[in-house]
Amino acid sequence: MRREIVLAPEALQDLRQLPAHLRAEVKEGIEKHLRYKPTTTSRSRIKRLRGLSVPQYRLRLGDLRVFYDVVEGQVQVIAIVSKAGAADWLERVGR
């Protein structure tokens, strides 16, 4: 099933701050992994986050992490964070 991908304003800002080559990599990764099977977990790429209701999932793209929720046929990208800042971000924003 094809899902609509919606970027939160914060995620859009995160994306715009990336260098062009990383921005292209993130867009390609989101399209490839989240458009059709955003809830299919794997050992390294997609992980369901336990103990949190927001965000529900994490997509790993190199040294970047894409945090997102899946709601009624939509993939809602919440943030795009570096690997180094992911734990701090989850501590601040995760619920």
C-alpha atoms as a PDB file:
ATOM      1  CA  MET A   1       0.000   0.000   0.000  1.00  0.00           C
ATOM      2  CA  ARG A   2       1.402   3.387  -1.003  1.00  0.00           C
ATOM      3  CA  ARG A   3       1.697   5.791   1.941  1.00  0.00           C
ATOM      4  CA  GLU A   4       1.654   9.564   1.882  1.00  0.00           C
ATOM      5  CA  ILE A   5       4.810  11.041   3.406  1.00  0.00           C
ATOM      6  CA  VAL A   6       4.372  14.238   5.418  1.00  0.00           C
ATOM      7  CA  LEU A   7       7.302  16.171   6.870  1.00  0.00           C
ATOM      8  CA  ALA A   8       6.736  18.161  10.057  1.00  0.00           C
ATOM      9  CA  PRO A   9       8.035  21.744   9.948  1.00  0.00           C
ATOM     10  CA  GLU A  10      10.941  20.728  12.212  1.00  0.00           C
ATOM     11  CA  ALA A  11      11.862  17.831   9.905  1.00  0.00           C
ATOM     12  CA  LEU A  12      11.700  20.128   6.880  1.00  0.00           C
ATOM     13  CA  GLN A  13      14.036  22.554   8.635  1.00  0.00           C
ATOM     14  CA  ASP A  14      16.396  19.679   9.540  1.00  0.00           C
ATOM     15  CA  LEU A  15      16.404  18.574   5.892  1.00  0.00           C
ATOM     16  CA  ARG A  16      17.137  22.078   4.589  1.00  0.00           C
ATOM     17  CA  GLN A  17      20.136  22.406   6.914  1.00  0.00           C
ATOM     18  CA  LEU A  18      21.830  19.321   5.471  1.00  0.00           C
ATOM     19  CA  PRO A  19      24.428  19.551   2.695  1.00  0.00           C
ATOM     20  CA  ALA A  20      22.994  18.805  -0.764  1.00  0.00           C
ATOM     21  CA  HIS A  21      24.448  15.285  -1.032  1.00  0.00           C
ATOM     22  CA  LEU A  22      23.006  14.260   2.354  1.00  0.00           C
ATOM     23  CA  ARG A  23      19.673  15.897   1.534  1.00  0.00           C
ATOM     24  CA  ALA A  24      19.459  13.771  -1.631  1.00  0.00           C
ATOM     25  CA  GLU A  25      20.412  10.639   0.325  1.00  0.00           C
ATOM     26  CA  VAL A  26      17.696  11.305   2.931  1.00  0.00           C
ATOM     27  CA  LYS A  27      15.015  11.974   0.303  1.00  0.00           C
ATOM     28  CA  GLU A  28      15.945   8.788  -1.545  1.00  0.00           C
ATOM     29  CA  GLY A  29      15.997   6.749   1.680  1.00  0.00           C
ATOM     30  CA  ILE A  30      12.621   8.065   2.810  1.00  0.00           C
ATOM     31  CA  GLU A  31      11.091   7.270  -0.578  1.00  0.00           C
ATOM     32  CA  LYS A  32      12.683   3.818  -0.780  1.00  0.00           C
ATOM     33  CA  HIS A  33      12.018   2.614   2.770  1.00  0.00           C
ATOM     34  CA  LEU A  34       8.956   4.508   3.993  1.00  0.00           C
ATOM     35  CA  ARG A  35       6.662   4.882   0.976  1.00  0.00           C
ATOM     36  CA  TYR A  36       5.419   1.269   0.895  1.00  0.00           C
ATOM     37  CA  LYS A  37       6.602  -0.626   4.012  1.00  0.00           C
ATOM     38  CA  PRO A  38       7.298   1.855   6.826  1.00  0.00           C
ATOM     39  CA  THR A  39       6.470  -0.632   9.588  1.00  0.00           C
ATOM     40  CA  THR A  40       8.621  -3.519   8.328  1.00  0.00           C
ATOM     41  CA  THR A  41      11.454  -3.641  10.837  1.00  0.00           C
ATOM     42  CA  SER A  42      14.919  -4.954  10.088  1.00  0.00           C
ATOM     43  CA  ARG A  43      18.058  -5.583  12.117  1.00  0.00           C
ATOM     44  CA  SER A  44      19.715  -2.346  11.108  1.00  0.00           C
ATOM     45  CA  ARG A  45      17.558  -0.087   8.912  1.00  0.00           C
ATOM     46  CA  ILE A  46      14.097   0.334  10.520  1.00  0.00           C
ATOM     47  CA  LYS A  47      13.538  -0.039  14.243  1.00  0.00           C
ATOM     48  CA  ARG A  48      10.317   0.187  16.243  1.00  0.00           C
ATOM     49  CA  LEU A  49      11.006   2.295  19.311  1.00  0.00           C
ATOM     50  CA  ARG A  50       9.860   0.581  22.492  1.00  0.00           C
ATOM     51  CA  GLY A  51       8.388   2.462  25.402  1.00  0.00           C
ATOM     52  CA  LEU A  52       7.545   5.522  23.285  1.00  0.00           C
ATOM     53  CA  SER A  53       4.281   6.533  21.665  1.00  0.00           C
ATOM     54  CA  VAL A  54       5.959   9.397  19.763  1.00  0.00           C
ATOM     55  CA  PRO A  55       8.019   8.730  17.698  1.00  0.00           C
ATOM     56  CA  GLN A  56       7.074   5.156  16.859  1.00  0.00           C
ATOM     57  CA  TYR A  57       9.919   4.302  14.454  1.00  0.00           C
ATOM     58  CA  ARG A  58      13.490   5.164  13.501  1.00  0.00           C
ATOM     59  CA  LEU A  59      15.038   4.850  10.030  1.00  0.00           C
ATOM     60  CA  ARG A  60      18.840   4.666   9.892  1.00  0.00           C
ATOM     61  CA  LEU A  61      20.488   6.309   6.888  1.00  0.00           C
ATOM     62  CA  GLY A  62      24.244   6.304   7.400  1.00  0.00           C
ATOM     63  CA  ASP A  63      25.023   8.741  10.220  1.00  0.00           C
ATOM     64  CA  LEU A  64      21.515  10.210  10.163  1.00  0.00           C
ATOM     65  CA  ARG A  65      18.369   9.043  11.919  1.00  0.00           C
ATOM     66  CA  VAL A  66      14.857   9.751  10.645  1.00  0.00           C
ATOM     67  CA  PHE A  67      12.215   9.544  13.375  1.00  0.00           C
ATOM     68  CA  TYR A  68       8.624   9.031  12.249  1.00  0.00           C
ATOM     69  CA  ASP A  69       5.115   7.864  13.095  1.00  0.00           C
ATOM     70  CA  VAL A  70       2.677   5.903  10.947  1.00  0.00           C
ATOM     71  CA  VAL A  71      -0.911   7.161  11.246  1.00  0.00           C
ATOM     72  CA  GLU A  72      -3.859   6.185   9.014  1.00  0.00           C
ATOM     73  CA  GLY A  73      -1.983   5.638   5.758  1.00  0.00           C
ATOM     74  CA  GLN A  74       0.440   8.491   6.394  1.00  0.00           C
ATOM     75  CA  VAL A  75       4.073   8.469   7.357  1.00  0.00           C
ATOM     76  CA  GLN A  76       4.678  11.545   9.499  1.00  0.00           C
ATOM     77  CA  VAL A  77       8.385  12.379   9.607  1.00  0.00           C
ATOM     78  CA  ILE A  78       9.041  14.167  12.891  1.00  0.00           C
ATOM     79  CA  ALA A  79      12.772  14.846  12.751  1.00  0.00           C
ATOM     80  CA  ILE A  80      16.022  14.119  10.947  1.00  0.00           C
ATOM     81  CA  VAL A  81      18.843  13.965  13.486  1.00  0.00           C
ATOM     82  CA  SER A  82      22.521  13.010  13.430  1.00  0.00           C
ATOM     83  CA  LYS A  83      23.485   9.751  15.102  1.00  0.00           C
ATOM     84  CA  ALA A  84      25.405  11.709  17.759  1.00  0.00           C
ATOM     85  CA  GLY A  85      22.372  13.839  18.636  1.00  0.00           C
ATOM     86  CA  ALA A  86      19.714  11.117  18.436  1.00  0.00           C
ATOM     87  CA  ALA A  87      19.789  10.070  22.117  1.00  0.00           C
ATOM     88  CA  ASP A  88      19.544  13.680  23.324  1.00  0.00           C
ATOM     89  CA  TRP A  89      16.726  14.401  20.882  1.00  0.00           C
ATOM     90  CA  LEU A  90      14.771  11.315  22.001  1.00  0.00           C
ATOM     91  CA  GLU A  91      15.228  12.296  25.627  1.00  0.00           C
ATOM     92  CA  ARG A  92      13.870  15.790  24.975  1.00  0.00           C
ATOM     93  CA  VAL A  93      11.037  14.966  22.546  1.00  0.00           C
ATOM     94  CA  GLY A  94      10.149  11.295  22.981  1.00  0.00           C
ATOM     95  CA  ARG A  95       6.998  10.438  24.938  1.00  0.00           C
END
